[in-house]
Amino acid sequence: MHTVDRDQEPKREVEELPPFAHGMHRWFMWYVRRYLRRHFHALRLARGPAGAADRPTLGAEPVVFYSNHPGWWDPLVFLFLGQALHPGRMVYGPIDAAALGKYRFLERIGFLGIDPHSWRGSARFLRMARAAARRSDVIFWITAQGQFSDPRVRPLALRPGVGHAVAAMDHGLVVPLAVEYPFWNERFPEALAAFGPVMRVEDFPGRTADEWTTVLARELEATQDRLAAAALGRDPAAFTPLLRGRVGVGPAYDMIRRLKAWVRGERFDASHGGAADGAPR
């Protein structure tokens, strides 16, 4: 009986992440910054609890950021945070394949089309997550709820694929990221974000996918609660400003306010609250 030496068997080809178009990414990020400035008062990162850092230190290892999914803005905010905080890394993440079909160029800058309602889509998500887990120059972001959800919904429910993706990692970092978009004192909303505690995968050998899903949900929910408390406080000092957007009520009304300030010899401040937040342009 003829036997085949296992060393001579063809090896299954390992799927890698799609190529990343750096030039197109630079152009798109220029657009993203302008677009966020146009639609938000500011983008702010919550300060860490008890003097802890407000952002994770990544080092040179695989990284997964997983987040809640409050709205349409989430992917753009993730792209901005990736470039602003970790410019040496490419940002990859899954997005509904039907939505991606309308903007095909996004496939070249890290967006991965996934059908969330099929086994084939689930399988591709896990293949892409494994590919990202072999890279130290990538941030793999996941909107872990899988659908738009109000940030106040409790208990938090995550898609099971998130736990499977983390359980398949040999090593690396997993970081919860909470986002929400409340209105404070200005015409335009705030874009607020907060990172939770970094979890190192190799510190938990043998943890199952279901166990990971439970832990990930608990840590993300705690991070959302901390961000919600800071948002309710409406105190810019509780945040690190990363991007300054628009202020003012409207062109006509702001012109009248500007004239009044000029007559009084005062410096015109277009913000409704009357205090600059120090956010960078």
C-alpha atoms as a PDB file:
ATOM      1  CA  MET A   1       0.000   0.000   0.000  1.00  0.00           C
ATOM      2  CA  HIS A   2       1.452   3.305  -1.058  1.00  0.00           C
ATOM      3  CA  THR A   3       1.807   5.955   1.647  1.00  0.00           C
ATOM      4  CA  VAL A   4       2.515   9.642   1.278  1.00  0.00           C
ATOM      5  CA  ASP A   5       5.228  11.237   3.361  1.00  0.00           C
ATOM      6  CA  ARG A   6       3.620  14.079   5.308  1.00  0.00           C
ATOM      7  CA  ASP A   7       6.637  16.259   4.578  1.00  0.00           C
ATOM      8  CA  GLN A   8       5.803  15.892   0.871  1.00  0.00           C
ATOM      9  CA  GLU A   9       2.114  16.755   1.241  1.00  0.00           C
ATOM     10  CA  PRO A  10       1.158  20.126  -0.194  1.00  0.00           C
ATOM     11  CA  LYS A  11       0.766  22.647   2.592  1.00  0.00           C
ATOM     12  CA  ARG A  12      -2.405  24.665   2.855  1.00  0.00           C
ATOM     13  CA  GLU A  13      -1.736  28.221   1.777  1.00  0.00           C
ATOM     14  CA  VAL A  14      -2.070  30.685   4.638  1.00  0.00           C
ATOM     15  CA  GLU A  15      -4.258  33.662   3.743  1.00  0.00           C
ATOM     16  CA  GLU A  16      -2.742  37.073   4.378  1.00  0.00           C
ATOM     17  CA  LEU A  17      -4.264  40.510   4.770  1.00  0.00           C
ATOM     18  CA  PRO A  18      -4.877  42.356   1.488  1.00  0.00           C
ATOM     19  CA  PRO A  19      -2.193  44.822   0.348  1.00  0.00           C
ATOM     20  CA  PHE A  20      -2.353  48.265   1.925  1.00  0.00           C
ATOM     21  CA  ALA A  21      -2.209  51.341  -0.360  1.00  0.00           C
ATOM     22  CA  HIS A  22      -0.230  53.825   1.731  1.00  0.00           C
ATOM     23  CA  GLY A  23      -0.530  56.716  -0.718  1.00  0.00           C
ATOM     24  CA  MET A  24      -4.294  56.360  -0.929  1.00  0.00           C
ATOM     25  CA  HIS A  25      -4.441  56.075   2.861  1.00  0.00           C
ATOM     26  CA  ARG A  26      -2.577  59.379   3.307  1.00  0.00           C
ATOM     27  CA  TRP A  27      -5.010  61.096   0.967  1.00  0.00           C
ATOM     28  CA  PHE A  28      -8.042  59.560   2.673  1.00  0.00           C
ATOM     29  CA  MET A  29      -6.805  60.539   6.139  1.00  0.00           C
ATOM     30  CA  TRP A  30      -6.467  64.149   4.967  1.00  0.00           C
ATOM     31  CA  TYR A  31     -10.133  63.913   3.991  1.00  0.00           C
ATOM     32  CA  VAL A  32     -11.119  62.180   7.250  1.00  0.00           C
ATOM     33  CA  ARG A  33      -9.558  64.910   9.390  1.00  0.00           C
ATOM     34  CA  ARG A  34     -11.398  67.621   7.461  1.00  0.00           C
ATOM     35  CA  TYR A  35     -14.647  65.651   7.600  1.00  0.00           C
ATOM     36  CA  LEU A  36     -14.438  65.113  11.363  1.00  0.00           C
ATOM     37  CA  ARG A  37     -13.636  68.798  11.937  1.00  0.00           C
ATOM     38  CA  ARG A  38     -16.653  69.740   9.863  1.00  0.00           C
ATOM     39  CA  HIS A  39     -19.125  67.595  11.806  1.00  0.00           C
ATOM     40  CA  PHE A  40     -17.850  67.585  15.410  1.00  0.00           C
ATOM     41  CA  HIS A  41     -16.956  70.194  17.988  1.00  0.00           C
ATOM     42  CA  ALA A  42     -13.933  68.131  19.054  1.00  0.00           C
ATOM     43  CA  LEU A  43     -12.586  64.603  19.218  1.00  0.00           C
ATOM     44  CA  ARG A  44     -11.457  63.791  22.756  1.00  0.00           C
ATOM     45  CA  LEU A  45      -9.749  60.851  24.446  1.00  0.00           C
ATOM     46  CA  ALA A  46     -10.748  60.167  28.056  1.00  0.00           C
ATOM     47  CA  ARG A  47      -7.915  60.347  30.559  1.00  0.00           C
ATOM     48  CA  GLY A  48      -6.992  57.068  32.202  1.00  0.00           C
ATOM     49  CA  PRO A  49      -8.319  56.132  35.648  1.00  0.00           C
ATOM     50  CA  ALA A  50      -6.198  56.878  38.738  1.00  0.00           C
ATOM     51  CA  GLY A  51      -3.329  58.387  36.780  1.00  0.00           C
ATOM     52  CA  ALA A  52      -3.082  55.530  34.267  1.00  0.00           C
ATOM     53  CA  ALA A  53      -2.157  56.289  30.657  1.00  0.00           C
ATOM     54  CA  ASP A  54      -5.033  57.325  28.408  1.00  0.00           C
ATOM     55  CA  ARG A  55      -3.810  55.117  25.553  1.00  0.00           C
ATOM     56  CA  PRO A  56      -2.209  51.668  25.323  1.00  0.00           C
ATOM     57  CA  THR A  57       1.493  51.102  24.727  1.00  0.00           C
ATOM     58  CA  LEU A  58       1.634  48.572  21.926  1.00  0.00           C
ATOM     59  CA  GLY A  59       5.259  47.595  21.519  1.00  0.00           C
ATOM     60  CA  ALA A  60       5.988  45.235  18.630  1.00  0.00           C
ATOM     61  CA  GLU A  61       3.277  42.587  18.826  1.00  0.00           C
ATOM     62  CA  PRO A  62      -0.145  41.832  17.353  1.00  0.00           C
ATOM     63  CA  VAL A  63      -2.966  44.081  18.559  1.00  0.00           C
ATOM     64  CA  VAL A  64      -6.763  43.893  18.506  1.00  0.00           C
ATOM     65  CA  PHE A  65      -8.925  46.895  19.374  1.00  0.00           C
ATOM     66  CA  TYR A  66     -12.553  45.884  19.917  1.00  0.00           C
ATOM     67  CA  SER A  67     -15.297  48.418  20.486  1.00  0.00           C
ATOM     68  CA  ASN A  68     -18.967  49.132  20.888  1.00  0.00           C
ATOM     69  CA  HIS A  69     -20.814  50.319  17.770  1.00  0.00           C
ATOM     70  CA  PRO A  70     -22.935  53.425  18.464  1.00  0.00           C
ATOM     71  CA  GLY A  71     -23.039  54.851  14.966  1.00  0.00           C
ATOM     72  CA  TRP A  72     -21.986  55.405  11.385  1.00  0.00           C
ATOM     73  CA  TRP A  73     -18.976  57.445  12.454  1.00  0.00           C
ATOM     74  CA  ASP A  74     -17.143  54.582  14.153  1.00  0.00           C
ATOM     75  CA  PRO A  75     -14.805  53.478  11.307  1.00  0.00           C
ATOM     76  CA  LEU A  76     -13.679  57.054  10.631  1.00  0.00           C
ATOM     77  CA  VAL A  77     -12.997  57.622  14.322  1.00  0.00           C
ATOM     78  CA  PHE A  78     -11.001  54.371  14.467  1.00  0.00           C
ATOM     79  CA  LEU A  79      -8.929  55.406  11.460  1.00  0.00           C
ATOM     80  CA  PHE A  80      -8.211  58.778  13.026  1.00  0.00           C
ATOM     81  CA  LEU A  81      -7.251  57.278  16.398  1.00  0.00           C
ATOM     82  CA  GLY A  82      -4.972  54.787  14.687  1.00  0.00           C
ATOM     83  CA  GLN A  83      -3.099  57.478  12.782  1.00  0.00           C
ATOM     84  CA  ALA A  84      -3.033  59.988  15.648  1.00  0.00           C
ATOM     85  CA  LEU A  85      -1.916  57.588  18.385  1.00  0.00           C
ATOM     86  CA  HIS A  86      -0.067  54.803  16.535  1.00  0.00           C
ATOM     87  CA  PRO A  87       1.050  56.207  13.162  1.00  0.00           C
ATOM     88  CA  GLY A  88       3.462  53.342  12.518  1.00  0.00           C
ATOM     89  CA  ARG A  89       0.657  50.794  12.221  1.00  0.00           C
ATOM     90  CA  MET A  90      -1.811  50.024   9.464  1.00  0.00           C
ATOM     91  CA  VAL A  91      -5.445  49.796  10.560  1.00  0.00           C
ATOM     92  CA  TYR A  92      -7.467  46.845   9.260  1.00  0.00           C
ATOM     93  CA  GLY A  93     -11.021  45.974  10.215  1.00  0.00           C
ATOM     94  CA  PRO A  94     -14.149  44.150   9.038  1.00  0.00           C
ATOM     95  CA  ILE A  95     -17.108  45.985   7.559  1.00  0.00           C
ATOM     96  CA  ASP A  96     -20.380  44.788   6.054  1.00  0.00           C
ATOM     97  CA  ALA A  97     -19.593  43.624   2.518  1.00  0.00           C
ATOM     98  CA  ALA A  98     -22.790  45.183   1.152  1.00  0.00           C
ATOM     99  CA  ALA A  99     -21.811  48.601   2.509  1.00  0.00           C
ATOM    100  CA  LEU A 100     -18.234  48.223   1.294  1.00  0.00           C
ATOM    101  CA  GLY A 101     -19.539  47.485  -2.192  1.00  0.00           C
ATOM    102  CA  LYS A 102     -20.510  51.142  -2.514  1.00  0.00           C
ATOM    103  CA  TYR A 103     -16.965  52.353  -1.753  1.00  0.00           C
ATOM    104  CA  ARG A 104     -14.629  49.811  -3.304  1.00  0.00           C
ATOM    105  CA  PHE A 105     -11.519  51.956  -2.840  1.00  0.00           C
ATOM    106  CA  LEU A 106     -11.774  51.369   0.921  1.00  0.00           C
ATOM    107  CA  GLU A 107     -10.674  47.768   0.323  1.00  0.00           C
ATOM    108  CA  ARG A 108      -7.219  49.151  -0.456  1.00  0.00           C
ATOM    109  CA  ILE A 109      -6.847  50.929   2.891  1.00  0.00           C
ATOM    110  CA  GLY A 110      -7.713  48.229   5.372  1.00  0.00           C
ATOM    111  CA  PHE A 111     -11.481  47.703   5.134  1.00  0.00           C
ATOM    112  CA  LEU A 112     -12.339  44.003   4.889  1.00  0.00           C
ATOM    113  CA  GLY A 113     -15.678  43.081   3.351  1.00  0.00           C
ATOM    114  CA  ILE A 114     -17.494  40.489   5.485  1.00  0.00           C
ATOM    115  CA  ASP A 115     -20.987  39.062   5.057  1.00  0.00           C
ATOM    116  CA  PRO A 116     -22.235  39.050   8.673  1.00  0.00           C
ATOM    117  CA  HIS A 117     -25.124  36.693   7.900  1.00  0.00           C
ATOM    118  CA  SER A 118     -23.320  33.711   6.376  1.00  0.00           C
ATOM    119  CA  TRP A 119     -20.913  30.982   7.425  1.00  0.00           C
ATOM    120  CA  ARG A 120     -18.625  32.043   4.602  1.00  0.00           C
ATOM    121  CA  GLY A 121     -18.472  35.546   6.057  1.00  0.00           C
ATOM    122  CA  SER A 122     -17.719  34.197   9.532  1.00  0.00           C
ATOM    123  CA  ALA A 123     -14.948  32.014   8.130  1.00  0.00           C
ATOM    124  CA  ARG A 124     -13.367  34.937   6.286  1.00  0.00           C
ATOM    125  CA  PHE A 125     -13.528  37.085   9.415  1.00  0.00           C
ATOM    126  CA  LEU A 126     -11.591  34.453  11.363  1.00  0.00           C
ATOM    127  CA  ARG A 127      -9.032  34.049   8.556  1.00  0.00           C
ATOM    128  CA  MET A 128      -8.435  37.795   8.491  1.00  0.00           C
ATOM    129  CA  ALA A 129      -8.194  37.924  12.296  1.00  0.00           C
ATOM    130  CA  ARG A 130      -5.583  35.145  12.224  1.00  0.00           C
ATOM    131  CA  ALA A 131      -3.677  36.963   9.497  1.00  0.00           C
ATOM    132  CA  ALA A 132      -3.640  40.138  11.607  1.00  0.00           C
ATOM    133  CA  ALA A 133      -2.462  38.092  14.608  1.00  0.00           C
ATOM    134  CA  ARG A 134       0.728  37.314  12.675  1.00  0.00           C
ATOM    135  CA  ARG A 135       1.531  41.000  12.182  1.00  0.00           C
ATOM    136  CA  SER A 136       3.217  43.476  14.512  1.00  0.00           C
ATOM    137  CA  ASP A 137       2.603  46.430  12.175  1.00  0.00           C
ATOM    138  CA  VAL A 138      -1.208  46.224  12.209  1.00  0.00           C
ATOM    139  CA  ILE A 139      -4.104  47.232  14.450  1.00  0.00           C
ATOM    140  CA  PHE A 140      -7.079  44.941  13.879  1.00  0.00           C
ATOM    141  CA  TRP A 141     -10.240  46.763  14.962  1.00  0.00           C
ATOM    142  CA  ILE A 142     -13.568  45.051  15.514  1.00  0.00           C
ATOM    143  CA  THR A 143     -16.968  46.627  16.145  1.00  0.00           C
ATOM    144  CA  ALA A 144     -17.756  43.803  18.507  1.00  0.00           C
ATOM    145  CA  GLN A 145     -21.531  44.229  18.744  1.00  0.00           C
ATOM    146  CA  GLY A 146     -21.948  43.620  15.030  1.00  0.00           C
ATOM    147  CA  GLN A 147     -24.715  46.191  14.629  1.00  0.00           C
ATOM    148  CA  PHE A 148     -25.504  49.760  15.640  1.00  0.00           C
ATOM    149  CA  SER A 149     -26.354  49.838  19.352  1.00  0.00           C
ATOM    150  CA  ASP A 150     -27.029  52.654  21.791  1.00  0.00           C
ATOM    151  CA  PRO A 151     -24.048  52.996  24.180  1.00  0.00           C
ATOM    152  CA  ARG A 152     -26.419  52.801  27.175  1.00  0.00           C
ATOM    153  CA  VAL A 153     -27.764  49.320  26.365  1.00  0.00           C
ATOM    154  CA  ARG A 154     -27.011  46.830  29.147  1.00  0.00           C
ATOM    155  CA  PRO A 155     -26.055  44.062  29.436  1.00  0.00           C
ATOM    156  CA  LEU A 156     -23.568  44.354  26.605  1.00  0.00           C
ATOM    157  CA  ALA A 157     -23.789  41.559  24.030  1.00  0.00           C
ATOM    158  CA  LEU A 158     -20.859  40.787  21.714  1.00  0.00           C
ATOM    159  CA  ARG A 159     -20.841  38.692  18.562  1.00  0.00           C
ATOM    160  CA  PRO A 160     -19.322  35.267  19.377  1.00  0.00           C
ATOM    161  CA  GLY A 161     -16.802  35.583  16.555  1.00  0.00           C
ATOM    162  CA  VAL A 162     -14.866  38.140  18.595  1.00  0.00           C
ATOM    163  CA  GLY A 163     -14.111  35.582  21.302  1.00  0.00           C
ATOM    164  CA  HIS A 164     -13.137  32.999  18.671  1.00  0.00           C
ATOM    165  CA  ALA A 165     -10.751  35.469  17.023  1.00  0.00           C
ATOM    166  CA  VAL A 166      -8.986  36.220  20.314  1.00  0.00           C
ATOM    167  CA  ALA A 167      -8.900  32.562  21.404  1.00  0.00           C
ATOM    168  CA  ALA A 168      -7.084  31.724  18.150  1.00  0.00           C
ATOM    169  CA  MET A 169      -4.236  34.143  18.941  1.00  0.00           C
ATOM    170  CA  ASP A 170      -0.964  32.701  20.253  1.00  0.00           C
ATOM    171  CA  HIS A 171       0.120  36.008  21.720  1.00  0.00           C
ATOM    172  CA  GLY A 172      -0.639  39.710  21.472  1.00  0.00           C
ATOM    173  CA  LEU A 173      -2.686  42.475  23.030  1.00  0.00           C
ATOM    174  CA  VAL A 174      -6.454  42.927  23.173  1.00  0.00           C
ATOM    175  CA  VAL A 175      -7.780  46.373  24.118  1.00  0.00           C
ATOM    176  CA  PRO A 176     -11.377  47.538  24.703  1.00  0.00           C
ATOM    177  CA  LEU A 177     -12.320  50.859  23.116  1.00  0.00           C
ATOM    178  CA  ALA A 178     -15.507  52.743  24.006  1.00  0.00           C
ATOM    179  CA  VAL A 179     -16.895  55.517  21.793  1.00  0.00           C
ATOM    180  CA  GLU A 180     -19.936  57.795  21.908  1.00  0.00           C
ATOM    181  CA  TYR A 181     -21.095  61.064  20.362  1.00  0.00           C
ATOM    182  CA  PRO A 182     -22.950  63.251  22.895  1.00  0.00           C
ATOM    183  CA  PHE A 183     -23.930  66.887  22.600  1.00  0.00           C
ATOM    184  CA  TRP A 184     -22.472  69.209  25.226  1.00  0.00           C
ATOM    185  CA  ASN A 185     -22.740  72.998  24.994  1.00  0.00           C
ATOM    186  CA  GLU A 186     -22.154  73.519  21.289  1.00  0.00           C
ATOM    187  CA  ARG A 187     -24.169  73.138  18.111  1.00  0.00           C
ATOM    188  CA  PHE A 188     -21.987  70.214  17.050  1.00  0.00           C
ATOM    189  CA  PRO A 189     -21.535  66.979  19.026  1.00  0.00           C
ATOM    190  CA  GLU A 190     -18.412  65.704  20.736  1.00  0.00           C
ATOM    191  CA  ALA A 191     -16.653  62.539  19.577  1.00  0.00           C
ATOM    192  CA  LEU A 192     -15.484  60.829  22.766  1.00  0.00           C
ATOM    193  CA  ALA A 193     -13.322  57.731  23.118  1.00  0.00           C
ATOM    194  CA  ALA A 194     -11.808  55.775  25.998  1.00  0.00           C
ATOM    195  CA  PHE A 195      -9.451  52.808  26.131  1.00  0.00           C
ATOM    196  CA  GLY A 196      -9.857  50.083  28.720  1.00  0.00           C
ATOM    197  CA  PRO A 197      -7.205  47.853  30.310  1.00  0.00           C
ATOM    198  CA  VAL A 198      -4.827  45.988  28.012  1.00  0.00           C
ATOM    199  CA  MET A 199      -5.200  42.200  28.083  1.00  0.00           C
ATOM    200  CA  ARG A 200      -2.234  40.064  27.061  1.00  0.00           C
ATOM    201  CA  VAL A 201      -3.464  36.877  25.376  1.00  0.00           C
ATOM    202  CA  GLU A 202      -0.584  34.657  26.494  1.00  0.00           C
ATOM    203  CA  ASP A 203      -1.381  35.422  30.139  1.00  0.00           C
ATOM    204  CA  PHE A 204      -4.560  33.339  29.799  1.00  0.00           C
ATOM    205  CA  PRO A 205      -3.593  30.013  28.187  1.00  0.00           C
ATOM    206  CA  GLY A 206      -6.451  27.631  27.654  1.00  0.00           C
ATOM    207  CA  ARG A 207      -9.188  30.248  27.901  1.00  0.00           C
ATOM    208  CA  THR A 208     -11.995  29.178  25.583  1.00  0.00           C
ATOM    209  CA  ALA A 209     -13.725  31.331  22.987  1.00  0.00           C
ATOM    210  CA  ASP A 210     -16.871  31.532  25.127  1.00  0.00           C
ATOM    211  CA  GLU A 211     -14.823  32.538  28.159  1.00  0.00           C
ATOM    212  CA  TRP A 212     -13.077  35.204  26.121  1.00  0.00           C
ATOM    213  CA  THR A 213     -16.417  36.548  24.906  1.00  0.00           C
ATOM    214  CA  THR A 214     -17.617  36.903  28.500  1.00  0.00           C
ATOM    215  CA  VAL A 215     -14.428  38.650  29.624  1.00  0.00           C
ATOM    216  CA  LEU A 216     -14.325  40.950  26.602  1.00  0.00           C
ATOM    217  CA  ALA A 217     -17.936  42.007  27.143  1.00  0.00           C
ATOM    218  CA  ARG A 218     -17.302  42.721  30.823  1.00  0.00           C
ATOM    219  CA  GLU A 219     -14.210  44.854  30.160  1.00  0.00           C
ATOM    220  CA  LEU A 220     -15.829  46.793  27.318  1.00  0.00           C
ATOM    221  CA  GLU A 221     -18.946  47.451  29.396  1.00  0.00           C
ATOM    222  CA  ALA A 222     -16.793  48.805  32.237  1.00  0.00           C
ATOM    223  CA  THR A 223     -14.935  51.042  29.776  1.00  0.00           C
ATOM    224  CA  GLN A 224     -18.232  52.320  28.359  1.00  0.00           C
ATOM    225  CA  ASP A 225     -19.473  53.073  31.877  1.00  0.00           C
ATOM    226  CA  ARG A 226     -16.321  55.078  32.626  1.00  0.00           C
ATOM    227  CA  LEU A 227     -16.671  57.022  29.375  1.00  0.00           C
ATOM    228  CA  ALA A 228     -20.374  57.655  30.032  1.00  0.00           C
ATOM    229  CA  ALA A 229     -19.576  59.102  33.466  1.00  0.00           C
ATOM    230  CA  ALA A 230     -16.973  61.422  31.943  1.00  0.00           C
ATOM    231  CA  ALA A 231     -19.393  62.445  29.179  1.00  0.00           C
ATOM    232  CA  LEU A 232     -22.087  63.294  31.734  1.00  0.00           C
ATOM    233  CA  GLY A 233     -19.598  65.528  33.550  1.00  0.00           C
ATOM    234  CA  ARG A 234     -19.083  67.648  30.413  1.00  0.00           C
ATOM    235  CA  ASP A 235     -15.620  68.610  31.650  1.00  0.00           C
ATOM    236  CA  PRO A 236     -13.039  68.993  28.860  1.00  0.00           C
ATOM    237  CA  ALA A 237     -10.290  68.606  31.489  1.00  0.00           C
ATOM    238  CA  ALA A 238     -11.296  64.943  31.856  1.00  0.00           C
ATOM    239  CA  PHE A 239     -10.142  64.358  28.284  1.00  0.00           C
ATOM    240  CA  THR A 240      -7.091  64.780  26.100  1.00  0.00           C
ATOM    241  CA  PRO A 241      -8.172  66.804  23.044  1.00  0.00           C
ATOM    242  CA  LEU A 242      -6.993  65.241  19.786  1.00  0.00           C
ATOM    243  CA  LEU A 243      -8.839  67.279  17.152  1.00  0.00           C
ATOM    244  CA  ARG A 244     -10.716  70.562  17.187  1.00  0.00           C
ATOM    245  CA  GLY A 245     -13.792  70.919  15.033  1.00  0.00           C
ATOM    246  CA  ARG A 246     -16.433  73.607  14.543  1.00  0.00           C
ATOM    247  CA  VAL A 247     -17.904  76.164  16.913  1.00  0.00           C
ATOM    248  CA  GLY A 248     -20.516  78.868  16.532  1.00  0.00           C
ATOM    249  CA  VAL A 249     -24.243  79.060  15.899  1.00  0.00           C
ATOM    250  CA  GLY A 250     -24.455  80.182  12.275  1.00  0.00           C
ATOM    251  CA  PRO A 251     -22.867  82.721   9.892  1.00  0.00           C
ATOM    252  CA  ALA A 252     -25.436  85.509  10.348  1.00  0.00           C
ATOM    253  CA  TYR A 253     -25.755  85.256  14.119  1.00  0.00           C
ATOM    254  CA  ASP A 254     -21.996  84.853  14.582  1.00  0.00           C
ATOM    255  CA  MET A 255     -21.406  87.994  12.504  1.00  0.00           C
ATOM    256  CA  ILE A 256     -23.602  89.969  14.916  1.00  0.00           C
ATOM    257  CA  ARG A 257     -21.738  88.506  17.880  1.00  0.00           C
ATOM    258  CA  ARG A 258     -18.414  89.342  16.275  1.00  0.00           C
ATOM    259  CA  LEU A 259     -19.485  92.978  15.743  1.00  0.00           C
ATOM    260  CA  LYS A 260     -20.622  93.252  19.364  1.00  0.00           C
ATOM    261  CA  ALA A 261     -17.281  91.930  20.562  1.00  0.00           C
ATOM    262  CA  TRP A 262     -15.444  94.410  18.315  1.00  0.00           C
ATOM    263  CA  VAL A 263     -17.497  97.346  19.651  1.00  0.00           C
ATOM    264  CA  ARG A 264     -16.713  96.315  23.222  1.00  0.00           C
ATOM    265  CA  GLY A 265     -13.051  95.826  22.453  1.00  0.00           C
ATOM    266  CA  GLU A 266     -13.283  92.149  23.345  1.00  0.00           C
ATOM    267  CA  ARG A 267     -11.797  89.132  21.658  1.00  0.00           C
ATOM    268  CA  PHE A 268     -14.492  87.221  19.758  1.00  0.00           C
ATOM    269  CA  ASP A 269     -15.024  83.625  20.851  1.00  0.00           C
ATOM    270  CA  ALA A 270     -17.390  81.750  18.545  1.00  0.00           C
ATOM    271  CA  SER A 271     -17.995  78.923  21.012  1.00  0.00           C
ATOM    272  CA  HIS A 272     -21.334  78.877  22.815  1.00  0.00           C
ATOM    273  CA  GLY A 273     -19.655  77.982  26.098  1.00  0.00           C
ATOM    274  CA  GLY A 274     -17.219  80.852  25.766  1.00  0.00           C
ATOM    275  CA  ALA A 275     -14.120  78.845  26.631  1.00  0.00           C
ATOM    276  CA  ALA A 276     -11.500  77.398  24.302  1.00  0.00           C
ATOM    277  CA  ASP A 277     -10.830  73.718  24.797  1.00  0.00           C
ATOM    278  CA  GLY A 278      -7.232  73.640  23.598  1.00  0.00           C
ATOM    279  CA  ALA A 279      -7.894  70.953  21.025  1.00  0.00           C
ATOM    280  CA  PRO A 280      -5.315  70.878  18.233  1.00  0.00           C
ATOM    281  CA  ARG A 281      -6.201  71.604  14.653  1.00  0.00           C
END
